[in-house]
Protein backbone atom coordinates (compact mmCIF):
# COMPACT_ATOMS: atom_id res chain seq x y z
CA MET A 1 108.50 120.72 150.59
CA LYS A 2 108.38 116.92 150.57
CA ASN A 3 111.21 114.46 150.02
CA SER A 4 111.27 111.00 148.45
CA GLU A 5 114.05 108.62 147.40
CA VAL A 6 112.74 108.46 143.81
CA ILE A 7 110.24 110.73 142.04
CA ILE A 8 108.55 109.45 138.89
CA PHE A 9 106.93 111.78 136.35
CA GLY A 10 104.00 110.02 134.69
CA ALA A 11 101.94 107.01 135.80
CA GLU A 12 102.08 105.15 132.50
CA PRO A 13 103.17 101.46 132.20
CA GLY A 14 106.91 102.19 132.49
CA GLY A 15 106.52 104.57 135.41
CA LEU A 16 104.28 102.16 137.32
CA ALA A 17 106.60 99.21 136.62
CA CYS A 18 109.56 101.22 137.88
CA ALA A 19 107.69 102.24 141.04
CA TYR A 20 106.63 98.67 141.77
CA GLU A 21 110.16 97.28 141.35
CA LEU A 22 111.62 100.00 143.58
CA LEU A 23 109.00 99.51 146.30
CA LYS A 24 109.79 95.80 146.39
CA GLN A 25 113.35 96.83 147.33
CA GLY A 26 112.08 99.07 150.13
CA ILE A 27 112.78 102.33 148.27
CA LYS A 28 110.37 105.21 148.90
CA VAL A 29 108.63 106.32 145.69
CA THR A 30 106.46 109.28 144.68
CA ILE A 31 104.55 109.30 141.37
CA VAL A 32 103.27 112.52 139.78
CA GLU A 33 100.50 112.19 137.16
CA LYS A 34 98.64 115.04 135.44
CA GLU A 35 95.51 112.94 134.73
CA GLU A 36 92.98 111.73 137.27
CA GLN A 37 93.56 108.14 136.16
CA VAL A 38 96.82 106.20 135.94
CA GLY A 39 97.86 104.07 132.98
CA GLY A 40 98.57 106.44 130.10
CA LEU A 41 97.94 104.72 126.76
CA MET A 42 97.41 101.37 128.50
CA LYS A 43 94.47 102.29 130.70
CA SER A 44 91.07 100.73 130.11
CA VAL A 45 88.32 102.45 128.17
CA ASN A 46 85.20 101.86 130.25
CA PHE A 47 81.78 102.45 128.70
CA LYS A 48 78.59 100.99 130.16
CA ASP A 49 79.11 97.19 130.20
CA TYR A 50 82.29 97.37 128.12
CA SER A 51 85.88 97.59 129.37
CA VAL A 52 88.23 97.51 126.39
CA ASP A 53 91.78 98.46 125.45
CA TYR A 54 92.97 101.95 124.63
CA GLY A 55 93.33 101.38 120.90
CA PHE A 56 95.10 98.26 119.64
CA LYS A 57 97.25 96.37 122.14
CA ASN A 58 99.31 93.32 121.25
CA LEU A 59 101.32 92.00 124.19
CA ASP A 60 103.91 89.35 123.38
CA ASP A 61 106.91 87.56 124.84
CA GLY A 62 109.41 89.38 122.63
CA ILE A 63 111.06 90.99 125.68
CA PRO A 64 111.40 88.14 128.23
CA GLU A 65 111.77 90.44 131.27
CA VAL A 66 108.49 92.19 130.43
CA HIS A 67 106.65 88.97 129.60
CA HIS A 68 107.59 87.46 132.98
CA PHE A 69 106.72 90.71 134.75
CA TRP A 70 103.19 90.82 133.30
CA LYS A 71 102.63 87.09 133.76
CA GLU A 72 103.66 87.29 137.42
CA LEU A 73 101.23 90.18 137.96
CA LEU A 74 98.16 88.56 136.38
CA LYS A 75 98.83 84.83 136.80
CA LYS A 76 96.14 82.84 134.96
CA ASP A 77 94.44 86.00 133.69
CA TYR A 78 97.39 86.56 131.30
CA THR A 79 96.30 84.18 128.56
CA PRO A 80 97.82 83.19 125.20
CA ILE A 81 95.92 84.24 122.08
CA GLU A 82 96.29 83.75 118.34
CA LEU A 83 96.84 87.11 116.71
CA ARG A 84 95.26 87.42 113.29
CA THR A 85 95.82 90.56 111.23
CA GLY A 86 93.94 91.43 108.07
CA ILE A 87 94.44 94.01 105.34
CA LEU A 88 91.33 95.97 104.38
CA TYR A 89 91.58 96.80 100.69
CA GLN A 90 88.71 97.95 98.47
CA GLY A 91 86.04 96.42 100.68
CA ARG A 92 87.79 93.05 100.90
CA ILE A 93 89.79 91.62 103.81
CA LEU A 94 93.12 90.06 102.80
CA GLU A 95 95.37 88.10 105.14
CA LEU A 96 98.75 89.31 106.38
CA ASP A 97 99.84 85.76 107.27
CA LYS A 98 99.81 82.95 104.71
CA LYS A 99 98.60 80.41 107.29
CA HIS A 100 95.17 81.92 106.68
CA LYS A 101 93.93 81.29 103.13
CA GLY A 102 97.35 80.19 101.91
CA LEU A 103 99.93 81.98 99.82
CA ARG A 104 97.23 83.92 97.97
CA ARG A 105 96.15 85.62 101.23
CA GLY A 106 92.56 85.80 100.03
CA MET A 107 93.37 87.94 97.00
CA PRO A 108 90.86 87.44 94.15
CA TYR A 109 92.54 85.99 91.08
CA PRO A 110 92.17 89.14 88.92
CA LEU A 111 93.85 91.26 91.61
CA LEU A 112 96.53 88.61 92.16
CA LEU A 113 97.30 88.34 88.45
CA ASN A 114 97.40 92.11 88.06
CA SER A 115 99.76 92.39 91.03
CA VAL A 116 102.09 89.67 89.76
CA VAL A 117 102.33 91.35 86.35
CA ASP A 118 103.02 94.66 88.12
CA MET A 119 105.72 92.94 90.18
CA VAL A 120 107.55 91.77 87.04
CA VAL A 121 107.23 95.20 85.43
CA SER A 122 108.44 96.90 88.62
CA LYS A 123 111.48 94.67 88.85
CA LEU A 124 112.44 95.50 85.29
CA ARG A 125 111.74 99.20 85.72
CA TYR A 126 113.40 99.87 89.07
CA ARG A 127 116.43 97.60 88.69
CA ARG A 128 117.63 100.08 86.02
CA THR A 129 117.23 103.13 88.27
CA LYS A 130 118.96 104.32 91.41
CA ARG A 131 117.02 102.79 94.32
CA ASP A 132 117.85 105.44 96.91
CA SER A 133 114.51 105.52 98.76
CA LEU A 134 112.58 102.89 100.70
CA ALA A 135 109.84 103.13 98.08
CA THR A 136 111.94 102.41 94.99
CA TYR A 137 113.97 99.78 96.84
CA THR A 138 110.83 97.88 97.88
CA TYR A 139 109.08 98.27 94.53
CA GLU A 140 112.03 96.59 92.84
CA ARG A 141 111.89 93.69 95.31
CA ARG A 142 108.15 93.15 95.69
CA GLY A 143 106.38 95.16 93.03
CA GLU A 144 104.63 98.49 93.48
CA LYS A 145 101.11 97.10 93.84
CA PHE A 146 101.96 94.35 96.35
CA THR A 147 103.96 96.87 98.37
CA LYS A 148 101.20 99.47 98.53
CA ILE A 149 98.50 96.93 99.44
CA PHE A 150 100.35 95.01 102.15
CA THR A 151 102.80 97.45 103.73
CA GLN A 152 103.39 100.93 102.33
CA GLU A 153 99.94 102.52 102.64
CA TYR A 154 99.48 101.50 106.27
CA SER A 155 103.09 102.28 107.20
CA GLU A 156 102.90 105.80 105.79
CA ARG A 157 99.67 106.45 107.70
CA SER A 158 101.05 105.22 111.01
CA ARG A 159 104.47 106.87 110.75
CA GLY A 160 103.36 110.02 108.96
CA SER A 161 106.33 109.75 106.60
CA SER A 162 106.38 109.07 102.87
CA TRP A 163 108.49 106.09 101.82
CA SER A 164 109.83 108.20 98.98
CA LYS A 165 111.55 110.39 101.58
CA LEU A 166 113.01 107.53 103.65
CA PRO A 167 116.44 106.13 102.72
CA ALA A 168 116.76 102.67 101.24
CA PRO A 169 118.07 99.90 103.54
CA ASN A 170 121.34 98.08 102.98
CA GLN A 171 121.39 96.74 99.42
CA ASP A 172 124.21 94.24 99.66
CA LYS A 173 121.90 91.30 98.98
CA LYS A 174 121.51 90.59 95.28
CA ASN A 175 118.00 90.42 93.93
CA THR A 176 117.27 88.37 90.82
CA LEU A 177 114.27 88.97 88.61
CA PHE A 178 111.98 86.50 90.41
CA SER A 179 113.68 86.27 93.82
CA GLY A 180 111.21 85.87 96.65
CA PHE A 181 108.25 86.15 94.27
CA LEU A 182 104.90 86.36 96.12
CA SER A 183 106.25 85.35 99.53
CA ASP A 184 108.64 88.29 99.39
CA ALA A 185 105.90 90.59 98.15
CA VAL A 186 103.90 90.24 101.35
CA LYS A 187 106.81 89.78 103.72
CA GLU A 188 106.22 91.22 107.18
CA THR A 189 109.33 93.19 108.11
CA SER A 190 108.88 93.07 111.89
CA LYS A 191 109.08 89.91 113.96
CA MET A 192 106.87 89.34 116.97
CA GLY A 193 106.83 86.66 119.63
CA ASN A 194 103.87 84.68 120.89
CA SER A 195 100.87 86.87 121.72
CA PHE A 196 99.12 87.15 125.08
CA HIS A 197 96.32 89.28 126.46
CA PRO A 198 94.79 89.99 129.91
CA ARG A 199 91.29 88.54 130.27
CA ARG A 200 89.82 91.93 131.20
CA GLY A 201 91.92 93.95 128.79
CA SER A 202 95.38 95.48 128.98
CA GLY A 203 94.11 97.96 131.57
CA GLN A 204 93.96 95.03 134.01
CA ILE A 205 97.76 95.24 134.27
CA ILE A 206 97.47 98.90 135.23
CA GLU A 207 94.76 98.19 137.83
CA VAL A 208 96.85 95.49 139.50
CA LEU A 209 99.98 97.66 139.50
CA GLU A 210 98.17 100.66 140.99
CA SER A 211 96.68 98.50 143.75
CA LYS A 212 100.04 96.95 144.63
CA ILE A 213 101.83 100.32 144.60
CA ARG A 214 99.27 101.87 146.97
CA ASN A 215 99.35 98.84 149.28
CA MET A 216 103.16 99.02 149.43
CA GLY A 217 103.11 102.67 150.47
CA GLY A 218 103.80 104.40 147.17
CA ALA A 219 102.61 108.01 147.00
CA LEU A 220 100.50 109.04 143.99
CA TYR A 221 99.85 112.69 143.14
CA LEU A 222 97.02 112.51 140.59
CA ASN A 223 95.78 115.62 138.76
CA HIS A 224 99.17 117.22 139.37
CA LYS A 225 101.21 118.76 136.58
CA VAL A 226 104.99 119.19 136.62
CA THR A 227 105.47 122.92 136.00
CA SER A 228 109.19 123.38 136.61
CA ILE A 229 112.34 121.35 137.16
CA THR A 230 115.32 122.95 138.89
CA PHE A 231 118.76 121.61 138.01
CA GLU A 232 122.37 122.72 138.21
CA ASN A 233 125.72 121.10 137.49
CA GLU A 234 123.89 118.46 135.41
CA GLU A 235 121.79 117.29 138.36
CA ILE A 236 118.12 117.84 139.22
CA LYS A 237 117.66 119.54 142.59
CA GLY A 238 113.86 119.56 142.79
CA ILE A 239 110.56 119.88 140.93
CA THR A 240 107.45 122.00 141.33
CA ILE A 241 104.03 120.45 140.75
CA ASN A 242 100.70 122.22 140.49
CA LYS A 243 97.11 121.22 141.16
CA GLU A 244 94.42 123.85 140.61
CA GLY A 245 96.83 126.66 141.38
CA GLU A 246 98.32 125.09 144.49
CA GLU A 247 102.05 124.44 144.13
CA THR A 248 104.13 121.80 145.90
CA VAL A 249 107.92 121.38 145.78
CA LEU A 250 109.27 117.82 145.73
CA LYS A 251 112.90 116.75 146.12
CA SER A 252 114.64 113.44 145.58
CA SER A 253 118.01 111.90 144.85
CA ASN A 254 116.77 110.23 141.63
CA TYR A 255 114.14 111.14 139.05
CA VAL A 256 112.43 108.94 136.46
CA SER A 257 110.48 110.49 133.58
CA SER A 258 107.95 108.83 131.32
CA LEU A 259 106.89 112.21 129.94
CA PRO A 260 107.18 112.62 126.16
CA LEU A 261 110.72 113.57 125.19
CA GLN A 262 109.76 116.96 123.81
CA LEU A 263 107.71 117.86 126.91
CA ILE A 264 110.36 117.21 129.53
CA SER A 265 113.02 118.82 127.32
CA SER A 266 110.86 121.93 127.14
CA ILE A 267 110.16 122.03 130.89
CA MET A 268 113.86 121.76 131.64
CA GLY A 269 114.81 124.24 128.93
CA VAL A 270 117.38 121.92 127.38
CA GLY A 271 115.59 121.09 124.13
CA ARG A 272 114.77 122.83 120.90
CA PRO A 273 111.44 122.89 119.05
CA PRO A 274 111.03 120.34 116.24
CA LEU A 275 111.45 121.28 112.61
CA LYS A 276 108.36 121.33 110.39
CA SER A 277 109.82 118.45 108.42
CA GLU A 278 110.05 116.22 111.52
CA LEU A 279 106.65 114.57 111.26
CA SER A 280 106.91 112.22 114.23
CA PHE A 281 106.32 115.19 116.56
CA GLN A 282 103.01 115.84 114.79
CA ARG A 283 101.62 112.35 115.33
CA GLY A 284 98.38 111.77 117.13
CA VAL A 285 95.24 109.69 116.84
CA ILE A 286 91.47 110.04 116.92
CA MET A 287 89.80 106.83 118.07
CA VAL A 288 86.14 106.02 117.43
CA TYR A 289 84.66 103.18 119.48
CA LEU A 290 81.57 101.64 117.89
CA PHE A 291 79.51 99.44 120.21
CA LEU A 292 77.50 96.86 118.27
CA ASN A 293 74.58 94.65 119.34
CA VAL A 294 75.78 91.79 117.11
CA PRO A 295 79.05 89.83 116.79
CA ALA A 296 81.69 91.28 114.47
CA LYS A 297 81.57 90.14 110.85
CA PHE A 298 85.28 89.29 110.75
CA PRO A 299 87.48 87.13 113.04
CA HIS A 300 90.63 89.27 112.93
CA ASN A 301 92.05 91.05 115.97
CA SER A 302 92.89 94.01 113.77
CA LEU A 303 92.66 95.27 110.21
CA ARG A 304 95.27 97.49 108.63
CA VAL A 305 93.61 99.76 106.11
CA SER A 306 95.27 100.26 102.73
CA CYS A 307 92.35 101.70 100.77
CA PRO A 308 93.44 105.06 99.33
CA ASP A 309 89.83 106.32 99.48
CA THR A 310 89.27 105.29 103.12
CA THR A 311 90.37 107.60 105.95
CA ILE A 312 90.54 104.94 108.68
CA SER A 313 94.04 103.64 109.38
CA ARG A 314 93.41 100.66 111.67
CA ILE A 315 90.44 98.77 113.10
CA THR A 316 90.57 96.69 116.29
CA ASN A 317 88.01 93.96 116.97
CA TYR A 318 87.99 93.32 120.73
CA ALA A 319 85.81 90.22 120.48
CA ALA A 320 88.69 88.42 118.73
CA PHE A 321 90.84 88.68 121.88
CA GLY A 322 88.47 86.52 123.91
CA GLY A 323 88.32 87.21 127.62
CA GLU A 324 85.76 89.41 129.33
CA MET A 325 86.12 92.83 127.70
CA ILE A 326 82.68 92.88 126.04
CA PRO A 327 79.24 91.41 126.83
CA GLU A 328 78.47 88.08 125.18
CA GLY A 329 76.80 88.31 121.77
CA THR A 330 77.99 91.86 121.14
CA SER A 331 81.11 93.44 119.68
CA CYS A 332 83.14 96.62 119.87
CA LEU A 333 85.29 98.04 117.09
CA CYS A 334 87.89 100.74 117.58
CA LEU A 335 88.59 102.79 114.46
CA GLU A 336 91.86 104.70 114.57
CA TYR A 337 92.44 107.80 112.45
CA PHE A 338 96.14 108.58 112.52
CA ILE A 339 97.26 112.20 112.52
CA PRO A 340 98.64 113.87 110.38
CA HIS A 341 97.22 111.53 107.70
CA SER A 342 93.64 112.25 108.84
CA LYS A 343 94.18 115.83 110.03
CA ALA A 344 91.01 116.96 108.21
CA LEU A 345 89.05 115.30 111.05
CA LEU A 346 90.40 117.85 113.52
CA ASP A 347 87.76 120.30 112.26
CA LEU A 348 84.89 117.86 112.88
CA ASN A 349 82.88 117.37 116.07
CA ASP A 350 82.35 113.95 117.66
CA LYS A 351 79.03 113.30 115.96
CA GLN A 352 80.43 114.14 112.54
CA ILE A 353 83.40 111.83 113.12
CA LYS A 354 81.03 109.05 114.18
CA GLU A 355 79.00 109.47 110.99
CA LEU A 356 82.18 109.29 108.90
CA ALA A 357 83.24 106.14 110.75
CA LEU A 358 79.90 104.44 110.18
CA SER A 359 79.86 105.39 106.49
CA GLU A 360 83.36 104.07 105.88
CA CYS A 361 82.59 100.82 107.71
CA GLU A 362 79.36 100.33 105.76
CA ASN A 363 81.15 101.00 102.46
CA SER A 364 83.74 98.38 103.45
CA ASN A 365 81.04 95.81 104.31
CA LEU A 366 82.07 95.66 107.98
CA LEU A 367 78.73 96.53 109.59
CA SER A 368 75.25 97.92 109.11
CA ARG A 369 74.50 101.31 110.63
CA GLU A 370 71.53 100.04 112.67
CA GLU A 371 73.80 97.55 114.47
CA CYS A 372 75.63 100.40 116.23
CA ILE A 373 73.92 101.09 119.56
CA ASP A 374 76.42 103.67 120.87
CA TYR A 375 79.79 105.27 120.28
CA LYS A 376 82.65 107.05 122.01
CA VAL A 377 85.28 109.37 120.48
CA ILE A 378 88.69 109.85 122.09
CA ARG A 379 91.17 112.41 120.76
CA ASN A 380 94.83 111.98 121.63
CA LEU A 381 96.60 114.55 119.52
CA HIS A 382 99.89 114.46 121.39
CA ALA A 383 100.65 110.73 121.57
CA ASP A 384 104.14 111.56 120.44
CA SER A 385 106.26 108.56 121.41
CA ALA A 386 108.34 107.85 118.32
CA GLN A 387 107.03 104.96 116.27
CA SER A 388 110.47 103.52 115.66
CA TRP A 389 114.07 103.71 116.78
CA GLU A 390 114.74 105.03 113.27
CA ASP A 391 112.99 108.31 114.16
CA TYR A 392 115.92 109.09 116.45
CA GLN A 393 118.27 108.64 113.51
CA TYR A 394 116.27 110.53 110.88
CA GLU A 395 115.20 113.47 113.08
CA SER A 396 117.97 115.61 114.49
CA THR A 397 115.78 117.36 117.08
CA ARG A 398 114.70 114.10 118.71
CA LYS A 399 118.27 112.83 118.85
CA ARG A 400 119.66 116.12 120.16
CA ASN A 401 117.04 116.44 122.91
CA TYR A 402 117.55 112.83 123.99
CA GLU A 403 121.31 113.34 124.21
CA SER A 404 120.79 116.56 126.22
CA LEU A 405 118.77 114.66 128.82
CA LEU A 406 121.42 111.93 129.03
CA LYS A 407 123.75 114.51 130.58
CA ILE A 408 121.50 114.88 133.64
CA ARG A 409 123.13 112.41 136.02
CA ASN A 410 120.13 111.63 138.24
CA LEU A 411 117.46 111.52 135.52
CA TYR A 412 116.22 108.30 133.90
CA GLN A 413 114.21 109.06 130.74
CA ILE A 414 112.01 105.98 130.12
CA SER A 415 109.50 107.27 127.53
CA ARG A 416 109.48 104.62 124.78
CA THR A 417 107.07 103.51 122.07
CA GLY A 418 104.75 100.71 123.16
CA ALA A 419 103.79 99.32 126.54
CA ASP A 420 106.42 96.57 126.37
CA LYS A 421 109.32 98.91 125.62
CA SER A 422 108.33 101.52 128.21
CA THR A 423 107.82 98.76 130.80
CA TYR A 424 111.26 97.35 130.01
CA ALA A 425 112.80 100.80 130.36
CA GLY A 426 111.02 101.24 133.72
CA ILE A 427 112.26 97.89 135.00
CA MET A 428 115.81 98.68 133.89
CA ALA A 429 115.67 102.13 135.50
CA ALA A 430 114.65 100.59 138.83
CA LYS A 431 117.44 98.01 138.62
CA SER A 432 120.00 100.70 137.76
CA ILE A 433 118.91 102.88 140.67
CA VAL A 434 119.16 99.96 143.10
CA GLU A 435 122.62 99.05 141.79
CA ASN A 436 123.67 102.71 141.38
CA ASN A 437 124.62 101.98 137.77
CA LYS A 438 123.02 104.42 135.34
CA GLU A 439 125.36 103.34 132.56
CA MET A 440 123.60 99.95 132.46
CA PHE A 441 120.25 101.69 131.91
CA GLU A 442 121.63 103.86 129.12
CA VAL A 443 123.23 100.94 127.29
CA LYS A 444 120.23 98.61 127.51
CA THR A 445 117.43 101.05 126.72
CA ARG A 446 118.74 103.36 124.01
CA PRO A 447 115.71 104.39 121.92
CA ASP A 448 117.90 105.01 118.87
CA GLN A 449 118.99 101.37 118.63
CA PRO A 450 116.94 98.31 117.57
CA SER A 451 117.97 96.14 120.53
CA PRO A 452 116.45 94.73 122.61
CA TRP A 453 112.96 95.42 121.37
CA GLU A 454 113.20 95.46 117.58
CA ASN A 455 114.93 93.49 114.88
CA SER A 456 117.03 95.52 112.48
């Protein structure tokens, strides 16, 4: 049996940030990680001469504490970038932001005219009906066609939920027949700060953190899985970890978990299985990395796919981030197939998925097959972290399990969606442990509230 002042389950961004902040205060830390590599969904994907992000990573200054934390770690290697997002629709790239190609966003005039007519018709049609779903509410404001092209199709793929089944937002604001017009039709609902990116990819943050944690005396148990957690009177007494059949018991006064909510709830026996209707628990992703011997044909950092006949959900172009992730004169695209939207791919092998990816990219005029010199397929079918704070409100199982874990007095549950949010939760957990004030952590990091990381 081994003792530590704080034990952290999971060496992802939040867990590593928490460990680093605690070690700076002289607190002994032990990290348990089931993989052989730290970093979780922020680790680097290394392939030959390429070292790129794990999927799409946009780091911004929206959470000041996290922005300063990352900037202090990387110094000059944490560089500002201009984030440009496109919409891939019927083989054409449209712009999400009007500063590129103006208010028209690159829409051909026939499509624009058709969409404007549809917007007027939608306003007349849906203003006479009960707008009780996100779909009907948005159609009445922006038109059905504009909505599906610029927001709905991609949102439903990423969240796994149909807008027709999501409740409408507050409807206090009056909406006249032409209110907002085209600017409202392509309005981006989320607000982001200024964008930044590490020169060698987001995994550079993980590499620096791991090095500092080891140098400061932090203990890392890699390839170890948490198999049981003993608790009584709403307090954890110890955990058992396993590596290749060899078990070790660890004890501490405080525990920090970055494990997915459903996993730690199950290990502790305090949760319940999700309902079939709770789609966020079914989310996952299959990522196809295509390594090209030519520069990318588009300048965008990412493309959101809204083509109904295309299976891809999002495409990341690493060359657009600058830095040193890819060799000069080449490019690397990451195609993400979100599950459950693309669940048919689960029956395909890697080569078949690669062929599908190449075909869809060729059909969308993004590349020529002969330009692809290699590929890599990564399947992450349990990347559960809820996409939005709203999942905790719509899904009773997620909310119930979260509230059950809140009752454990010496447990800090920091699993959050996105590297910035999980890092913030990790920093706040460390501060709360140092100040012996768990209430501060609970108030500032509630995953079922928009603050501080999202705008309602």
